């Protein structure tokens, strides 16, 4: 067993880091939401609810809020629907390729967020890869405009960006499922579908409830893709 001093030495630094660089900035932003800006563009430390009142009363702000929530909901659902089957396959059926497939899922996280976003703009643009292919095989005569500058493009891009974050907790949960439970289910005559439905899925539900949180919150807070791809739809 580790001593209390060792546990404290290991626990305090990351907690302090999270507090200083995450919780404190969030608290400051929360405080700023109750303050106002003077005509001279300075912060007035006067506590009020004017910002929240304006958010609900101004149609543009409220519509943008609802649209962001709807986009985040779709990204959350798609990330879960893509992340769970992928995590299940890598954990239970990948075999010797498990490490390789895991790295292939993680590697996109090493690439800048903006680089991945611009990559989709290159693919979906009027002169992009997809439109060029569609015209080359004579499926369309002109570029398909809805592929870019639309909610579809926003949801597709954010789903690609945040699906690995849904994959990771689900994969970790599936990896911790005792394999002897799966073997016992097979020995008792259960089919693979029954084993999944009665053993694997119930044990992974807690991870499924946590996995969509980061994609949904991040998609809700993300504004850059909206500037890149949804400006026509928002206008």
Protein backbone atom coordinates (compact mmCIF):
# COMPACT_ATOMS: atom_id res chain seq x y z
CA UNK A 1 0.00 0.00 0.00
CA UNK A 2 1.15 3.52 -0.76
CA UNK A 3 1.64 5.95 2.09
CA UNK A 4 -0.56 8.98 2.57
CA UNK A 5 2.36 11.29 1.75
CA UNK A 6 2.92 9.53 -1.58
CA UNK A 7 -0.79 9.72 -2.47
CA UNK A 8 -0.82 13.42 -1.60
CA UNK A 9 2.32 14.10 -3.65
CA UNK A 10 0.81 12.34 -6.65
CA UNK A 11 -2.68 13.83 -6.36
CA UNK A 12 -2.07 17.47 -5.42
CA UNK A 13 -0.06 18.65 -8.49
CA UNK A 14 -2.64 17.60 -11.13
CA UNK A 15 -5.49 18.91 -8.99
CA UNK A 16 -3.66 22.19 -8.55
CA UNK A 17 -2.98 22.37 -12.30
CA UNK A 18 -6.65 21.76 -13.15
CA UNK A 19 -7.78 24.28 -10.56
CA UNK A 20 -5.46 27.06 -11.68
CA UNK A 21 -5.68 26.61 -15.45
CA UNK A 22 -9.25 25.27 -15.83
CA UNK A 23 -11.55 25.94 -12.90
CA UNK A 24 -10.31 29.45 -12.11
CA UNK A 25 -10.63 30.66 -15.75
CA UNK A 26 -14.12 29.16 -15.92
CA UNK A 27 -15.05 30.94 -12.70
CA UNK A 28 -13.72 34.23 -14.09
CA UNK A 29 -15.71 33.81 -17.29
CA UNK A 30 -18.81 33.07 -15.23
CA UNK A 31 -18.26 36.28 -13.27
CA UNK A 32 -17.75 38.26 -16.46
CA UNK A 33 -21.16 37.12 -17.67
CA UNK A 34 -22.73 39.16 -14.85
CA UNK A 35 -20.72 42.32 -15.60
CA UNK A 36 -21.28 44.96 -18.26
CA UNK A 37 -19.14 46.78 -20.80
CA UNK A 38 -18.99 50.57 -20.75
CA UNK A 39 -19.10 52.71 -23.93
CA UNK A 40 -15.32 52.99 -23.55
CA UNK A 41 -15.12 49.19 -23.91
CA UNK A 42 -14.04 48.63 -20.31
CA UNK A 43 -15.46 46.06 -17.93
CA UNK A 44 -17.80 47.52 -15.31
CA UNK A 45 -17.87 45.34 -12.20
CA UNK A 46 -21.57 45.87 -11.63
CA UNK A 47 -23.48 42.67 -10.94
CA UNK A 48 -26.66 42.29 -13.00
CA UNK A 49 -28.51 39.93 -15.31
CA UNK A 50 -28.58 42.21 -18.36
CA UNK A 51 -26.40 39.89 -20.46
CA UNK A 52 -28.65 36.90 -19.84
CA UNK A 53 -31.75 39.01 -20.42
CA UNK A 54 -30.35 40.18 -23.74
CA UNK A 55 -29.45 36.61 -24.68
CA UNK A 56 -33.06 35.52 -24.28
CA UNK A 57 -34.73 38.62 -25.71
CA UNK A 58 -32.61 39.28 -28.81
CA UNK A 59 -33.81 36.94 -31.52
CA UNK A 60 -30.43 36.48 -33.20
CA UNK A 61 -28.71 35.44 -29.97
CA UNK A 62 -31.47 33.07 -28.92
CA UNK A 63 -31.71 31.51 -32.37
CA UNK A 64 -27.95 30.99 -32.44
CA UNK A 65 -28.10 29.37 -29.01
CA UNK A 66 -30.82 26.94 -30.10
CA UNK A 67 -29.01 26.16 -33.35
CA UNK A 68 -25.80 25.44 -31.44
CA UNK A 69 -27.68 23.13 -29.06
CA UNK A 70 -29.25 21.27 -32.00
CA UNK A 71 -25.87 20.86 -33.69
CA UNK A 72 -24.32 19.66 -30.42
CA UNK A 73 -27.12 17.10 -29.95
CA UNK A 74 -26.56 15.65 -33.41
CA UNK A 75 -22.80 15.56 -32.94
CA UNK A 76 -23.25 13.82 -29.58
CA UNK A 77 -25.54 11.16 -31.07
CA UNK A 78 -23.35 10.55 -34.13
CA UNK A 79 -20.16 10.41 -32.07
CA UNK A 80 -21.75 7.78 -29.82
CA UNK A 81 -23.12 5.77 -32.74
CA UNK A 82 -19.71 5.79 -34.44
CA UNK A 83 -17.56 5.49 -31.33
CA UNK A 84 -19.27 2.52 -29.70
CA UNK A 85 -19.13 0.06 -32.63
CA UNK A 86 -15.55 1.09 -33.32
CA UNK A 87 -14.54 0.65 -29.67
CA UNK A 88 -16.36 -2.70 -29.53
CA UNK A 89 -14.60 -3.99 -32.64
CA UNK A 90 -11.16 -2.85 -31.51
CA UNK A 91 -11.63 -4.31 -28.03
CA UNK A 92 -13.17 -7.67 -28.89
CA UNK A 93 -12.48 -8.50 -32.53
CA UNK A 94 -9.33 -6.68 -33.66
CA UNK A 95 -6.97 -9.36 -32.35
CA UNK A 96 -3.35 -8.67 -33.18
CA UNK A 97 -4.35 -5.45 -34.93
CA UNK A 98 -5.76 -3.93 -31.75
CA UNK A 99 -2.79 -1.67 -31.01
CA UNK A 100 -2.56 -0.53 -34.63
CA UNK A 101 -6.25 0.36 -34.85
CA UNK A 102 -6.12 2.11 -31.48
CA UNK A 103 -3.24 4.26 -32.68
CA UNK A 104 -5.09 5.07 -35.91
CA UNK A 105 -7.96 6.43 -33.83
CA UNK A 106 -5.64 8.44 -31.57
CA UNK A 107 -3.31 9.86 -34.24
CA UNK A 108 -5.83 12.46 -35.51
CA UNK A 109 -5.77 14.01 -32.05
CA UNK A 110 -2.11 14.88 -32.65
CA UNK A 111 -3.13 17.08 -35.60
CA UNK A 112 -4.24 20.65 -35.01
CA UNK A 113 -7.97 21.19 -34.75
CA UNK A 114 -7.85 23.86 -37.45
CA UNK A 115 -5.88 21.61 -39.80
CA UNK A 116 -8.56 18.93 -39.59
CA UNK A 117 -11.26 21.56 -40.07
CA UNK A 118 -9.56 22.98 -43.17
CA UNK A 119 -9.12 19.44 -44.49
CA UNK A 120 -12.90 19.03 -44.58
CA UNK A 121 -13.22 22.39 -46.29
CA UNK A 122 -10.84 21.11 -48.96
CA UNK A 123 -12.86 17.90 -49.34
CA UNK A 124 -16.33 19.48 -49.40
CA UNK A 125 -15.55 22.71 -51.28
CA UNK A 126 -16.85 23.59 -54.72
CA UNK A 127 -13.47 22.66 -56.19
CA UNK A 128 -12.84 20.03 -53.55
CA UNK A 129 -12.15 16.34 -53.82
CA UNK A 130 -15.75 15.18 -53.43
CA UNK A 131 -17.30 17.60 -55.91
CA UNK A 132 -14.54 16.90 -58.40
CA UNK A 133 -15.19 13.16 -58.11
CA UNK A 134 -18.95 13.58 -58.51
CA UNK A 135 -18.47 15.62 -61.66
CA UNK A 136 -15.83 13.23 -63.00
CA UNK A 137 -18.19 10.24 -62.80
CA UNK A 138 -21.00 12.43 -64.24
CA UNK A 139 -23.26 12.18 -61.22
CA UNK A 140 -23.54 15.96 -61.14
CA UNK A 141 -22.91 18.69 -63.68
CA UNK A 142 -22.23 21.45 -61.19
CA UNK A 143 -20.69 21.53 -57.70
CA UNK A 144 -23.08 20.42 -54.96
CA UNK A 145 -23.32 23.52 -52.79
CA UNK A 146 -25.03 21.98 -49.75
CA UNK A 147 -21.85 20.05 -48.95
CA UNK A 148 -20.23 23.26 -47.72
CA UNK A 149 -21.56 26.33 -45.89
CA UNK A 150 -24.37 24.31 -44.36
CA UNK A 151 -25.34 22.66 -41.07
CA UNK A 152 -24.48 19.33 -42.72
CA UNK A 153 -20.85 20.40 -43.10
CA UNK A 154 -20.71 21.65 -39.52
CA UNK A 155 -22.11 18.42 -38.08
CA UNK A 156 -19.87 16.27 -40.27
CA UNK A 157 -16.73 18.18 -39.33
CA UNK A 158 -17.45 18.29 -35.61
CA UNK A 159 -18.38 14.60 -35.60
CA UNK A 160 -15.05 13.72 -37.19
CA UNK A 161 -13.18 15.92 -34.73
CA UNK A 162 -14.89 14.73 -31.53
CA UNK A 163 -15.64 11.04 -32.21
CA UNK A 164 -12.24 9.96 -30.78
CA UNK A 165 -13.22 11.60 -27.50
CA UNK A 166 -16.33 9.41 -27.39
CA UNK A 167 -14.32 6.36 -28.43
CA UNK A 168 -11.75 6.57 -25.63
CA UNK A 169 -13.97 6.14 -22.52
CA UNK A 170 -16.04 3.45 -24.22
CA UNK A 171 -12.93 1.55 -25.26
CA UNK A 172 -11.48 1.82 -21.75
CA UNK A 173 -14.73 0.47 -20.29
CA UNK A 174 -14.87 -2.44 -22.75
CA UNK A 175 -11.25 -3.32 -22.05
CA UNK A 176 -12.05 -3.64 -18.33
CA UNK A 177 -14.89 -6.11 -18.89
CA UNK A 178 -13.64 -9.49 -17.60
CA UNK A 179 -13.27 -11.80 -20.55
CA UNK A 180 -14.24 -14.77 -18.42
CA UNK A 181 -17.78 -13.37 -18.30
CA UNK A 182 -17.90 -13.41 -22.09
CA UNK A 183 -16.49 -16.92 -22.16
CA UNK A 184 -19.02 -18.09 -19.55
CA UNK A 185 -21.82 -16.67 -21.67
CA UNK A 186 -20.52 -18.58 -24.69
CA UNK A 187 -20.19 -21.78 -22.66
CA UNK A 188 -23.81 -21.46 -21.52
CA UNK A 189 -24.96 -21.43 -25.13
CA UNK A 190 -25.61 -17.73 -25.65
CA UNK A 191 -25.25 -16.38 -29.15
CA UNK A 192 -22.85 -13.49 -29.84
CA UNK A 193 -25.82 -11.12 -29.99
CA UNK A 194 -27.17 -12.38 -26.66
CA UNK A 195 -23.73 -12.07 -25.09
CA UNK A 196 -23.48 -8.50 -26.26
CA UNK A 197 -27.01 -7.59 -25.18
CA UNK A 198 -26.94 -9.26 -21.76
CA UNK A 199 -23.27 -8.99 -20.73
CA UNK A 200 -21.25 -6.43 -22.65
CA UNK A 201 -23.79 -3.65 -23.16
CA UNK A 202 -25.00 -3.46 -19.53
CA UNK A 203 -21.41 -3.29 -18.27
CA UNK A 204 -20.55 -0.52 -20.73
CA UNK A 205 -23.62 1.67 -20.15
CA UNK A 206 -21.86 3.89 -17.55
CA UNK A 207 -19.18 4.70 -20.12
CA UNK A 208 -21.84 5.35 -22.75
CA UNK A 209 -23.46 7.89 -20.46
CA UNK A 210 -20.14 9.71 -19.98
CA UNK A 211 -18.71 9.42 -23.49
CA UNK A 212 -21.02 11.94 -25.25
CA UNK A 213 -20.44 14.69 -22.69
CA UNK A 214 -17.15 15.99 -24.06
CA UNK A 215 -18.22 15.87 -27.74
CA UNK A 216 -21.53 17.60 -27.01
CA UNK A 217 -20.08 20.31 -24.77
CA UNK A 218 -17.16 20.92 -27.13
CA UNK A 219 -19.43 21.04 -30.18
CA UNK A 220 -21.75 23.46 -28.40
CA UNK A 221 -18.87 25.75 -27.48
CA UNK A 222 -17.10 25.58 -30.82
CA UNK A 223 -17.59 28.62 -33.00
CA UNK A 224 -14.80 28.37 -35.60
CA UNK A 225 -16.48 25.78 -37.87
CA UNK A 226 -19.64 27.87 -37.85
CA UNK A 227 -17.61 30.76 -39.22
CA UNK A 228 -16.02 28.55 -41.88
CA UNK A 229 -18.98 26.49 -43.11
CA UNK A 230 -22.28 27.81 -41.83
CA UNK A 231 -22.10 31.49 -42.58
CA UNK A 232 -24.41 31.13 -45.58
CA UNK A 233 -26.87 29.00 -43.62
CA UNK A 234 -26.88 31.48 -40.75
CA UNK A 235 -27.43 34.49 -42.97
